[in-house]
Amino acid sequence: MPVESDKIMFMIYRDTTYTDKYRVVYFTELDEHNKEAEINKAFSGVHYHDGFIKNFKKDKAKEIIDRFIERLNKGEDISPSEISKALDEFIPK
């Protein structure tokens, strides 16, 4: 069974305060100097999708998430289930 450090918690949200753009925050990678501000920004925005990715091969999972963020910010209509499906191999079971 994976331990907490084997997975990364993330949330995709729309930043309604500053840019109205979609962003992602990786909660478990925040450090003390930016944790509070980033969490506050994320929860002030509009929730779109959240979950966990495996720490192992996280860079590939983050690339996939970044591509979805780009597409969302270009106005493409993407369902959260499409993101989950694309990340399936990176989701801890």
C-alpha atoms as a PDB file:
ATOM      1  CA  MET A   1       0.000   0.000   0.000  1.00  0.00           C
ATOM      2  CA  PRO A   2       1.423   3.414  -0.963  1.00  0.00           C
ATOM      3  CA  VAL A   3       2.417   5.852   1.747  1.00  0.00           C
ATOM      4  CA  GLU A   4       1.450   9.527   1.662  1.00  0.00           C
ATOM      5  CA  SER A   5       4.803  10.547   0.151  1.00  0.00           C
ATOM      6  CA  ASP A   6       4.181   8.219  -2.820  1.00  0.00           C
ATOM      7  CA  LYS A   7       1.416  10.438  -4.182  1.00  0.00           C
ATOM      8  CA  ILE A   8       0.871  14.084  -4.980  1.00  0.00           C
ATOM      9  CA  MET A   9      -2.453  15.819  -4.383  1.00  0.00           C
ATOM     10  CA  PHE A  10      -3.455  18.337  -7.054  1.00  0.00           C
ATOM     11  CA  MET A  11      -6.351  20.573  -7.993  1.00  0.00           C
ATOM     12  CA  ILE A  12      -7.219  22.245 -11.280  1.00  0.00           C
ATOM     13  CA  TYR A  13      -9.209  25.434 -10.814  1.00  0.00           C
ATOM     14  CA  ARG A  14     -10.178  28.623 -12.642  1.00  0.00           C
ATOM     15  CA  ASP A  15      -8.561  31.674 -11.088  1.00  0.00           C
ATOM     16  CA  THR A  16     -11.435  34.153 -10.902  1.00  0.00           C
ATOM     17  CA  THR A  17      -9.514  36.689  -8.828  1.00  0.00           C
ATOM     18  CA  TYR A  18      -6.746  37.742 -11.204  1.00  0.00           C
ATOM     19  CA  THR A  19      -6.632  36.124 -14.640  1.00  0.00           C
ATOM     20  CA  ASP A  20      -9.782  34.039 -15.151  1.00  0.00           C
ATOM     21  CA  LYS A  21      -7.417  31.332 -16.426  1.00  0.00           C
ATOM     22  CA  TYR A  22      -7.212  27.692 -15.418  1.00  0.00           C
ATOM     23  CA  ARG A  23      -4.353  26.785 -13.111  1.00  0.00           C
ATOM     24  CA  VAL A  24      -3.120  23.767 -11.213  1.00  0.00           C
ATOM     25  CA  VAL A  25      -1.755  23.555  -7.708  1.00  0.00           C
ATOM     26  CA  TYR A  26       0.155  20.549  -6.370  1.00  0.00           C
ATOM     27  CA  PHE A  27      -0.698  20.773  -2.682  1.00  0.00           C
ATOM     28  CA  THR A  28       1.756  18.186  -1.406  1.00  0.00           C
ATOM     29  CA  GLU A  29       4.668  19.944  -3.143  1.00  0.00           C
ATOM     30  CA  LEU A  30       4.084  23.346  -1.558  1.00  0.00           C
ATOM     31  CA  ASP A  31       6.588  24.551   0.974  1.00  0.00           C
ATOM     32  CA  GLU A  32       6.127  26.788   3.973  1.00  0.00           C
ATOM     33  CA  HIS A  33       6.804  30.083   2.168  1.00  0.00           C
ATOM     34  CA  ASN A  34       4.071  29.629  -0.471  1.00  0.00           C
ATOM     35  CA  LYS A  35       1.680  27.100   1.048  1.00  0.00           C
ATOM     36  CA  GLU A  36      -0.913  29.457   2.521  1.00  0.00           C
ATOM     37  CA  ALA A  37      -1.049  31.829  -0.453  1.00  0.00           C
ATOM     38  CA  GLU A  38      -1.353  29.043  -3.040  1.00  0.00           C
ATOM     39  CA  ILE A  39      -4.016  27.193  -1.083  1.00  0.00           C
ATOM     40  CA  ASN A  40      -6.005  30.411  -0.628  1.00  0.00           C
ATOM     41  CA  LYS A  41      -5.793  31.177  -4.374  1.00  0.00           C
ATOM     42  CA  ALA A  42      -6.925  27.677  -5.290  1.00  0.00           C
ATOM     43  CA  PHE A  43      -9.900  27.684  -2.942  1.00  0.00           C
ATOM     44  CA  SER A  44     -10.889  31.207  -4.001  1.00  0.00           C
ATOM     45  CA  GLY A  45     -11.168  29.988  -7.585  1.00  0.00           C
ATOM     46  CA  VAL A  46     -13.712  27.740  -9.239  1.00  0.00           C
ATOM     47  CA  HIS A  47     -12.955  24.061  -8.685  1.00  0.00           C
ATOM     48  CA  TYR A  48     -12.639  22.051 -11.893  1.00  0.00           C
ATOM     49  CA  HIS A  49     -10.902  18.754 -11.082  1.00  0.00           C
ATOM     50  CA  ASP A  50      -8.771  17.264  -8.330  1.00  0.00           C
ATOM     51  CA  GLY A  51      -7.057  14.050  -7.436  1.00  0.00           C
ATOM     52  CA  PHE A  52      -3.772  12.340  -6.790  1.00  0.00           C
ATOM     53  CA  ILE A  53      -0.930  11.314  -9.059  1.00  0.00           C
ATOM     54  CA  LYS A  54       1.857   8.894  -8.272  1.00  0.00           C
ATOM     55  CA  ASN A  55       5.127  10.475  -7.258  1.00  0.00           C
ATOM     56  CA  PHE A  56       6.796   7.928  -9.549  1.00  0.00           C
ATOM     57  CA  LYS A  57       6.775   9.392 -13.088  1.00  0.00           C
ATOM     58  CA  LYS A  58       5.124  12.574 -11.820  1.00  0.00           C
ATOM     59  CA  ASP A  59       6.818  14.630 -14.531  1.00  0.00           C
ATOM     60  CA  LYS A  60       4.921  12.795 -17.276  1.00  0.00           C
ATOM     61  CA  ALA A  61       1.628  13.236 -15.383  1.00  0.00           C
ATOM     62  CA  LYS A  62       2.341  16.951 -14.924  1.00  0.00           C
ATOM     63  CA  GLU A  63       2.984  17.301 -18.664  1.00  0.00           C
ATOM     64  CA  ILE A  64      -0.433  15.796 -19.346  1.00  0.00           C
ATOM     65  CA  ILE A  65      -2.071  18.141 -16.832  1.00  0.00           C
ATOM     66  CA  ASP A  66      -0.242  21.144 -18.330  1.00  0.00           C
ATOM     67  CA  ARG A  67      -1.527  20.261 -21.815  1.00  0.00           C
ATOM     68  CA  PHE A  68      -5.086  20.121 -20.468  1.00  0.00           C
ATOM     69  CA  ILE A  69      -4.592  23.504 -18.767  1.00  0.00           C
ATOM     70  CA  GLU A  70      -3.414  24.988 -22.085  1.00  0.00           C
ATOM     71  CA  ARG A  71      -6.416  23.564 -23.917  1.00  0.00           C
ATOM     72  CA  LEU A  72      -8.848  24.810 -21.252  1.00  0.00           C
ATOM     73  CA  ASN A  73      -7.314  28.280 -21.401  1.00  0.00           C
ATOM     74  CA  LYS A  74      -7.812  28.295 -25.180  1.00  0.00           C
ATOM     75  CA  GLY A  75     -11.524  27.756 -24.551  1.00  0.00           C
ATOM     76  CA  GLU A  76     -11.747  24.070 -25.337  1.00  0.00           C
ATOM     77  CA  ASP A  77     -14.568  22.216 -23.613  1.00  0.00           C
ATOM     78  CA  ILE A  78     -12.978  19.318 -21.718  1.00  0.00           C
ATOM     79  CA  SER A  79     -14.750  17.165 -19.183  1.00  0.00           C
ATOM     80  CA  PRO A  80     -13.037  16.281 -15.910  1.00  0.00           C
ATOM     81  CA  SER A  81     -13.572  12.613 -16.771  1.00  0.00           C
ATOM     82  CA  GLU A  82     -11.392  13.072 -19.862  1.00  0.00           C
ATOM     83  CA  ILE A  83      -8.586  14.298 -17.603  1.00  0.00           C
ATOM     84  CA  SER A  84      -9.063  11.346 -15.248  1.00  0.00           C
ATOM     85  CA  LYS A  85      -8.925   8.946 -18.175  1.00  0.00           C
ATOM     86  CA  ALA A  86      -5.703  10.497 -19.507  1.00  0.00           C
ATOM     87  CA  LEU A  87      -4.117  10.276 -16.046  1.00  0.00           C
ATOM     88  CA  ASP A  88      -5.340   6.748 -15.291  1.00  0.00           C
ATOM     89  CA  GLU A  89      -1.903   5.104 -15.328  1.00  0.00           C
ATOM     90  CA  PHE A  90      -0.583   7.801 -12.961  1.00  0.00           C
ATOM     91  CA  ILE A  91      -3.370   7.565 -10.370  1.00  0.00           C
ATOM     92  CA  PRO A  92      -2.469   5.624  -7.216  1.00  0.00           C
ATOM     93  CA  LYS A  93      -4.690   2.585  -6.776  1.00  0.00           C
END
